[in-house]
Amino acid sequence: MDPTLDPTRTSFEAYLKFLSEAPDDGTPTVLETPIAISLHFDALATQSLMSRRDPDKLVLGYTRAMMGFLLLQPAPTRISMIGLGGGSLLKYCYRHLPNTKFVAIEIDRAVIALRDAFHIPADDERLEVVCADGVEYVKRQEARPEVILVDGFLAHGMPTQLGSADFYAACHARLADDGVLVANFLDGDADIPFYMEAVRSVFGDAFSISPSEDSCNYTLFAWKGAQALPSLDELLMRARILESTHPLNLRSAARRLKQGKRLAADHNFWQKLAG
C-alpha cells in the first residue's frame, strides 16, 4: 500500500496539523480525516464525532448512554434537543424513530452553519433546527415533548443556566406527564453535585445519574409520573426488545440506570467530587 494513502497515517497527520492551527477563541472548527469528521471548540476536547462509513452511528459513548431514555420512553412522539453540535443524537433519532418529531435548539449560528458537513438532514415536517437560547425556548415552547435531551456546551463548558433549578423546573413544566429529561455532564465538572440538588428540588427522587458508557461523562435521567424505576428484570426485558431495532447496548444501559439511582443517593461520593 502507498503509505500516503494509509488512513491511519493520514488521520494522524491531519490531527497534528489541526493541533497547530486550531483557534483558541471558541470558534467551532471541523477536523476532517479519511475515517471521521469531528467538531471542536478548542484543540483539547471533541464535541462531536462522525464516522464517514456510517454517518448516523453514535460513535461517542455518552451519546449512546443518553439513548437510555428508550427504556422509559421507547416511542416518543416529540423530542426536544438542546445543543445541536455535530447532530449525532439528532441523526440517530431521526433515522431510528421514524414516527417522532424533533426540534433541535442551538444558540450558536456558526454551529448550525456546519450541519451539511455532518450530514444533518434538512428541516422538514419531522425536523426543525432553531437558533435560540435553549433555556428561553423551553420556557415558551408550546408543544409537550416526551423527551428533552440536554447536551449544550460552549468552549468553556456547560452554561451554568443549563444546570439551574429554574431550568429544570421549566423542563418539568414543559415535559409530557410521563416525560423524561436527559442531560450530559462532563465528568470533570465539580458542579455536578449542585446540578443534582437542583434536579432533586424539582423532580424529587425521580432521577438517576451514572457514568456514561465510556466513563468520560455522567448521564442524568429525570422523569415525571411514577417515582420508582421499573425493576432491573423489567428494564432488561425492555432492552432485549428494543435491541432488535436499535444497534445499542441497552442491557448495559438498563444496569447503569439502576446503578445510577443508588449512585445518586451516595452523598459521600458527590462531596468528594465537589471537593
Protein backbone atom coordinates (compact mmCIF):
# COMPACT_ATOMS: atom_id res chain seq x y z
CA MET A 1 0.00 0.00 0.00
CA ASP A 2 1.14 3.50 -0.78
CA PRO A 3 1.97 4.94 2.70
CA THR A 4 0.46 8.27 1.69
CA LEU A 5 -2.91 6.50 1.34
CA ASP A 6 -2.80 4.81 4.77
CA PRO A 7 -5.88 6.26 6.50
CA THR A 8 -4.34 5.92 9.97
CA ARG A 9 -1.22 7.83 8.99
CA THR A 10 -3.23 10.41 7.06
CA SER A 11 -5.57 10.90 10.02
CA PHE A 12 -2.63 11.36 12.39
CA GLU A 13 -1.05 13.94 10.11
CA ALA A 14 -4.37 15.77 9.81
CA TYR A 15 -4.68 15.83 13.60
CA LEU A 16 -1.18 17.23 14.05
CA LYS A 17 -1.98 19.95 11.54
CA PHE A 18 -5.22 20.68 13.40
CA LEU A 19 -3.38 20.99 16.72
CA SER A 20 -1.06 23.58 15.27
CA GLU A 21 -3.77 25.63 13.57
CA ALA A 22 -6.93 25.29 15.71
CA PRO A 23 -8.19 28.66 17.02
CA ASP A 24 -8.35 29.14 20.78
CA ASP A 25 -11.26 31.61 20.83
CA GLY A 26 -14.08 29.05 20.94
CA THR A 27 -14.80 29.16 17.21
CA PRO A 28 -16.43 25.90 16.07
CA THR A 29 -13.86 24.06 13.96
CA VAL A 30 -14.16 20.91 11.87
CA LEU A 31 -11.39 18.31 11.68
CA GLU A 32 -11.68 16.04 8.65
CA THR A 33 -9.75 12.79 8.27
CA PRO A 34 -10.26 9.78 5.95
CA ILE A 35 -12.00 7.97 8.82
CA ALA A 36 -14.06 10.59 10.64
CA ILE A 37 -15.21 14.19 10.88
CA SER A 38 -15.20 15.89 14.27
CA LEU A 39 -16.33 19.18 15.80
CA HIS A 40 -14.12 21.11 18.23
CA PHE A 41 -14.26 24.36 20.18
CA ASP A 42 -10.57 24.05 21.02
CA ALA A 43 -7.70 21.64 20.36
CA LEU A 44 -8.25 19.59 23.52
CA ALA A 45 -11.88 18.44 23.50
CA THR A 46 -14.07 16.72 20.91
CA GLN A 47 -17.63 18.00 20.84
CA SER A 48 -18.92 15.60 18.20
CA LEU A 49 -17.54 12.75 16.12
CA MET A 50 -18.98 11.30 12.92
CA SER A 51 -17.87 8.12 11.19
CA ARG A 52 -17.51 8.62 7.44
CA ARG A 53 -18.52 4.99 6.88
CA ASP A 54 -21.72 5.29 8.94
CA PRO A 55 -22.68 8.96 9.47
CA ASP A 56 -25.69 8.09 11.65
CA LYS A 57 -23.75 5.86 14.05
CA LEU A 58 -23.35 7.02 17.66
CA VAL A 59 -19.57 6.93 17.99
CA LEU A 60 -19.07 8.62 21.36
CA GLY A 61 -20.12 6.61 24.40
CA TYR A 62 -22.02 9.40 26.10
CA THR A 63 -24.39 9.73 23.13
CA ARG A 64 -25.19 6.00 23.34
CA ALA A 65 -25.73 6.39 27.09
CA MET A 66 -28.21 9.24 26.55
CA MET A 67 -30.29 6.94 24.35
CA GLY A 68 -31.09 5.03 27.52
CA PHE A 69 -34.27 7.12 27.60
CA LEU A 70 -35.70 4.46 25.28
CA LEU A 71 -36.02 2.20 28.33
CA LEU A 72 -38.54 4.69 29.75
CA GLN A 73 -39.95 6.20 26.53
CA PRO A 74 -39.50 3.67 23.69
CA ALA A 75 -41.64 5.53 21.12
CA PRO A 76 -41.87 9.27 21.88
CA THR A 77 -43.94 11.41 19.55
CA ARG A 78 -41.81 14.51 20.21
CA ILE A 79 -38.22 15.08 21.28
CA SER A 80 -36.61 18.45 22.03
CA MET A 81 -32.82 18.66 21.92
CA ILE A 82 -30.84 21.50 23.46
CA GLY A 83 -27.48 21.70 21.72
CA LEU A 84 -27.01 20.58 18.12
CA GLY A 85 -23.26 20.11 17.84
CA GLY A 86 -22.50 17.70 15.03
CA GLY A 87 -26.02 16.31 15.24
CA SER A 88 -25.11 12.77 16.36
CA LEU A 89 -28.15 12.28 18.58
CA LEU A 90 -30.43 14.05 16.14
CA LYS A 91 -29.37 11.92 13.18
CA TYR A 92 -29.65 8.68 15.11
CA CYS A 93 -33.12 9.50 16.39
CA TYR A 94 -34.27 10.81 13.02
CA ARG A 95 -33.27 7.50 11.42
CA HIS A 96 -34.38 5.04 14.10
CA LEU A 97 -37.52 6.78 15.40
CA PRO A 98 -39.40 7.40 12.14
CA ASN A 99 -42.65 8.41 13.85
CA THR A 100 -41.08 11.06 16.07
CA LYS A 101 -40.90 14.82 15.51
CA PHE A 102 -37.78 16.70 16.58
CA VAL A 103 -36.72 20.24 17.35
CA ALA A 104 -33.05 20.99 17.97
CA ILE A 105 -32.22 24.28 19.70
CA GLU A 106 -28.72 25.63 19.12
CA ILE A 107 -27.54 29.04 20.33
CA ASP A 108 -24.52 29.33 18.01
CA ARG A 109 -25.25 30.13 14.37
CA ALA A 110 -21.72 29.05 13.46
CA VAL A 111 -22.50 25.53 14.69
CA ILE A 112 -25.74 25.40 12.70
CA ALA A 113 -23.79 26.53 9.61
CA LEU A 114 -21.80 23.26 9.80
CA ARG A 115 -24.87 20.99 9.54
CA ASP A 116 -24.08 19.94 5.96
CA ALA A 117 -20.57 18.87 6.94
CA PHE A 118 -22.11 16.46 9.44
CA HIS A 119 -24.89 15.20 7.12
CA ILE A 120 -27.66 16.63 9.29
CA PRO A 121 -30.93 16.35 7.34
CA ALA A 122 -32.67 19.47 6.09
CA ASP A 123 -35.68 20.74 8.01
CA ASP A 124 -38.91 19.00 7.07
CA GLU A 125 -42.26 18.03 8.60
CA ARG A 126 -40.45 15.97 11.26
CA LEU A 127 -37.39 18.11 11.95
CA GLU A 128 -36.71 21.74 12.83
CA VAL A 129 -33.38 23.31 13.83
CA VAL A 130 -33.85 26.59 15.71
CA CYS A 131 -31.22 29.18 16.58
CA ALA A 132 -32.17 30.25 20.09
CA ASP A 133 -31.24 30.14 23.75
CA GLY A 134 -32.31 26.69 24.94
CA VAL A 135 -33.42 27.91 28.37
CA GLU A 136 -35.69 30.58 26.94
CA TYR A 137 -37.00 28.24 24.24
CA VAL A 138 -38.10 25.63 26.79
CA LYS A 139 -39.97 28.29 28.75
CA ARG A 140 -42.01 29.45 25.77
CA GLN A 141 -42.32 26.18 23.80
CA GLU A 142 -45.96 25.18 23.32
CA ALA A 143 -45.50 21.51 22.42
CA ARG A 144 -45.07 19.00 25.23
CA PRO A 145 -42.29 16.57 24.28
CA GLU A 146 -41.96 13.20 25.94
CA VAL A 147 -38.18 13.61 25.93
CA ILE A 148 -35.86 16.59 26.41
CA LEU A 149 -32.19 15.93 25.65
CA VAL A 150 -29.72 18.47 27.04
CA ASP A 151 -26.23 18.46 25.54
CA GLY A 152 -25.44 22.16 25.37
CA PHE A 153 -21.79 23.16 25.62
CA LEU A 154 -19.73 26.19 24.74
CA ALA A 155 -15.94 26.44 24.63
CA HIS A 156 -15.71 26.93 28.40
CA GLY A 157 -18.06 24.05 29.22
CA MET A 158 -21.75 23.74 30.05
CA PRO A 159 -23.51 27.08 30.57
CA THR A 160 -24.48 27.38 34.24
CA GLN A 161 -28.12 28.13 33.40
CA LEU A 162 -28.49 24.60 31.97
CA GLY A 163 -27.81 23.24 35.46
CA SER A 164 -30.10 25.56 37.41
CA ALA A 165 -33.27 24.77 39.34
CA ASP A 166 -35.13 27.32 37.21
CA PHE A 167 -34.18 25.46 34.04
CA TYR A 168 -35.11 22.07 35.45
CA ALA A 169 -38.43 23.49 36.63
CA ALA A 170 -39.09 24.78 33.11
CA CYS A 171 -38.26 21.33 31.68
CA HIS A 172 -40.55 19.66 34.22
CA ALA A 173 -43.38 22.00 33.31
CA ARG A 174 -42.86 21.51 29.59
CA LEU A 175 -42.48 17.72 29.56
CA ALA A 176 -45.44 15.46 28.92
CA ASP A 177 -46.90 13.85 32.04
CA ASP A 178 -44.72 10.76 31.57
CA GLY A 179 -41.77 12.68 30.11
CA VAL A 180 -38.04 12.14 30.60
CA LEU A 181 -35.25 14.70 30.90
CA VAL A 182 -31.75 13.53 29.90
CA ALA A 183 -28.61 15.63 30.41
CA ASN A 184 -24.94 15.14 29.64
CA PHE A 185 -22.37 16.31 32.21
CA LEU A 186 -18.59 16.31 31.85
CA ASP A 187 -17.02 14.04 34.46
CA GLY A 188 -14.57 16.78 35.48
CA ASP A 189 -17.33 19.26 36.30
CA ALA A 190 -17.15 19.87 40.06
CA ASP A 191 -20.61 21.45 39.95
CA ILE A 192 -22.41 18.17 39.24
CA PRO A 193 -23.49 17.82 42.92
CA PHE A 194 -25.11 21.26 42.67
CA TYR A 195 -26.91 20.27 39.45
CA MET A 196 -28.19 17.19 41.24
CA GLU A 197 -29.55 19.22 44.13
CA ALA A 198 -31.28 21.45 41.60
CA VAL A 199 -32.78 18.38 39.92
CA ARG A 200 -33.88 16.97 43.29
CA SER A 201 -35.62 20.24 44.17
CA VAL A 202 -37.81 19.82 41.08
CA PHE A 203 -38.11 16.07 40.37
CA GLY A 204 -37.78 14.80 43.94
CA ASP A 205 -36.08 11.40 43.95
CA ALA A 206 -37.22 10.56 40.42
CA PHE A 207 -33.79 10.73 38.87
CA SER A 208 -30.69 8.65 38.23
CA ILE A 209 -27.13 9.64 37.36
CA SER A 210 -24.29 7.35 36.35
CA PRO A 211 -21.04 7.26 34.37
CA SER A 212 -21.67 7.10 30.65
CA GLU A 213 -20.68 4.14 28.52
CA ASP A 214 -17.12 5.38 28.06
CA SER A 215 -16.93 6.80 31.64
CA CYS A 216 -15.84 10.21 30.34
CA ASN A 217 -19.19 11.82 31.16
CA TYR A 218 -22.14 11.43 33.51
CA THR A 219 -25.66 10.92 32.22
CA LEU A 220 -28.64 12.26 34.14
CA PHE A 221 -32.13 10.84 33.73
CA ALA A 222 -35.06 12.53 35.49
CA TRP A 223 -38.66 11.53 34.94
CA LYS A 224 -42.21 12.63 35.64
CA GLY A 225 -45.03 10.35 36.66
CA ALA A 226 -44.09 7.21 38.60
CA GLN A 227 -41.43 7.89 41.22
CA ALA A 228 -39.94 4.39 41.15
CA LEU A 229 -37.90 2.95 38.31
CA PRO A 230 -39.09 -0.38 36.92
CA SER A 231 -37.24 -3.40 38.26
CA LEU A 232 -33.97 -4.42 36.65
CA ASP A 233 -35.66 -7.50 35.18
CA GLU A 234 -38.31 -5.28 33.57
CA LEU A 235 -35.69 -2.88 32.19
CA LEU A 236 -33.64 -5.79 30.80
CA MET A 237 -36.74 -7.21 29.10
CA ARG A 238 -37.42 -3.82 27.51
CA ALA A 239 -33.78 -3.62 26.42
CA ARG A 240 -33.91 -7.03 24.71
CA ILE A 241 -37.00 -5.97 22.75
CA LEU A 242 -35.51 -2.60 21.76
CA GLU A 243 -32.17 -4.06 20.66
CA SER A 244 -33.90 -5.71 17.71
CA THR A 245 -34.31 -2.24 16.16
CA HIS A 246 -31.63 -0.20 17.93
CA PRO A 247 -27.91 -1.01 17.49
CA LEU A 248 -27.19 -0.08 21.10
CA ASN A 249 -26.15 -1.99 24.21
CA LEU A 250 -29.37 -1.19 26.04
CA ARG A 251 -28.97 -4.04 28.53
CA SER A 252 -25.85 -2.31 29.81
CA ALA A 253 -27.81 0.96 29.82
CA ALA A 254 -30.50 -0.71 31.94
CA ARG A 255 -27.95 -1.78 34.53
CA ARG A 256 -26.35 1.67 34.63
CA LEU A 257 -29.78 3.27 35.02
CA LYS A 258 -30.48 1.16 38.11
CA GLN A 259 -26.96 1.62 39.49
CA GLY A 260 -27.25 5.35 38.90
CA LYS A 261 -30.26 5.50 41.20
CA ARG A 262 -28.06 4.22 44.03
CA LEU A 263 -25.16 6.44 42.99
CA ALA A 264 -27.42 9.50 43.08
CA ALA A 265 -28.01 8.82 46.78
CA ASP A 266 -24.30 8.38 47.60
CA HIS A 267 -23.65 11.80 49.16
CA ASN A 268 -20.06 10.94 50.13
CA PHE A 269 -19.16 10.24 46.50
CA TRP A 270 -20.53 13.56 45.31
CA GLN A 271 -18.96 15.52 48.18
CA LYS A 272 -15.57 14.16 47.15
CA LEU A 273 -16.25 15.18 43.55
CA ALA A 274 -17.20 18.71 44.60
CA GLY A 275 -14.18 18.96 46.90
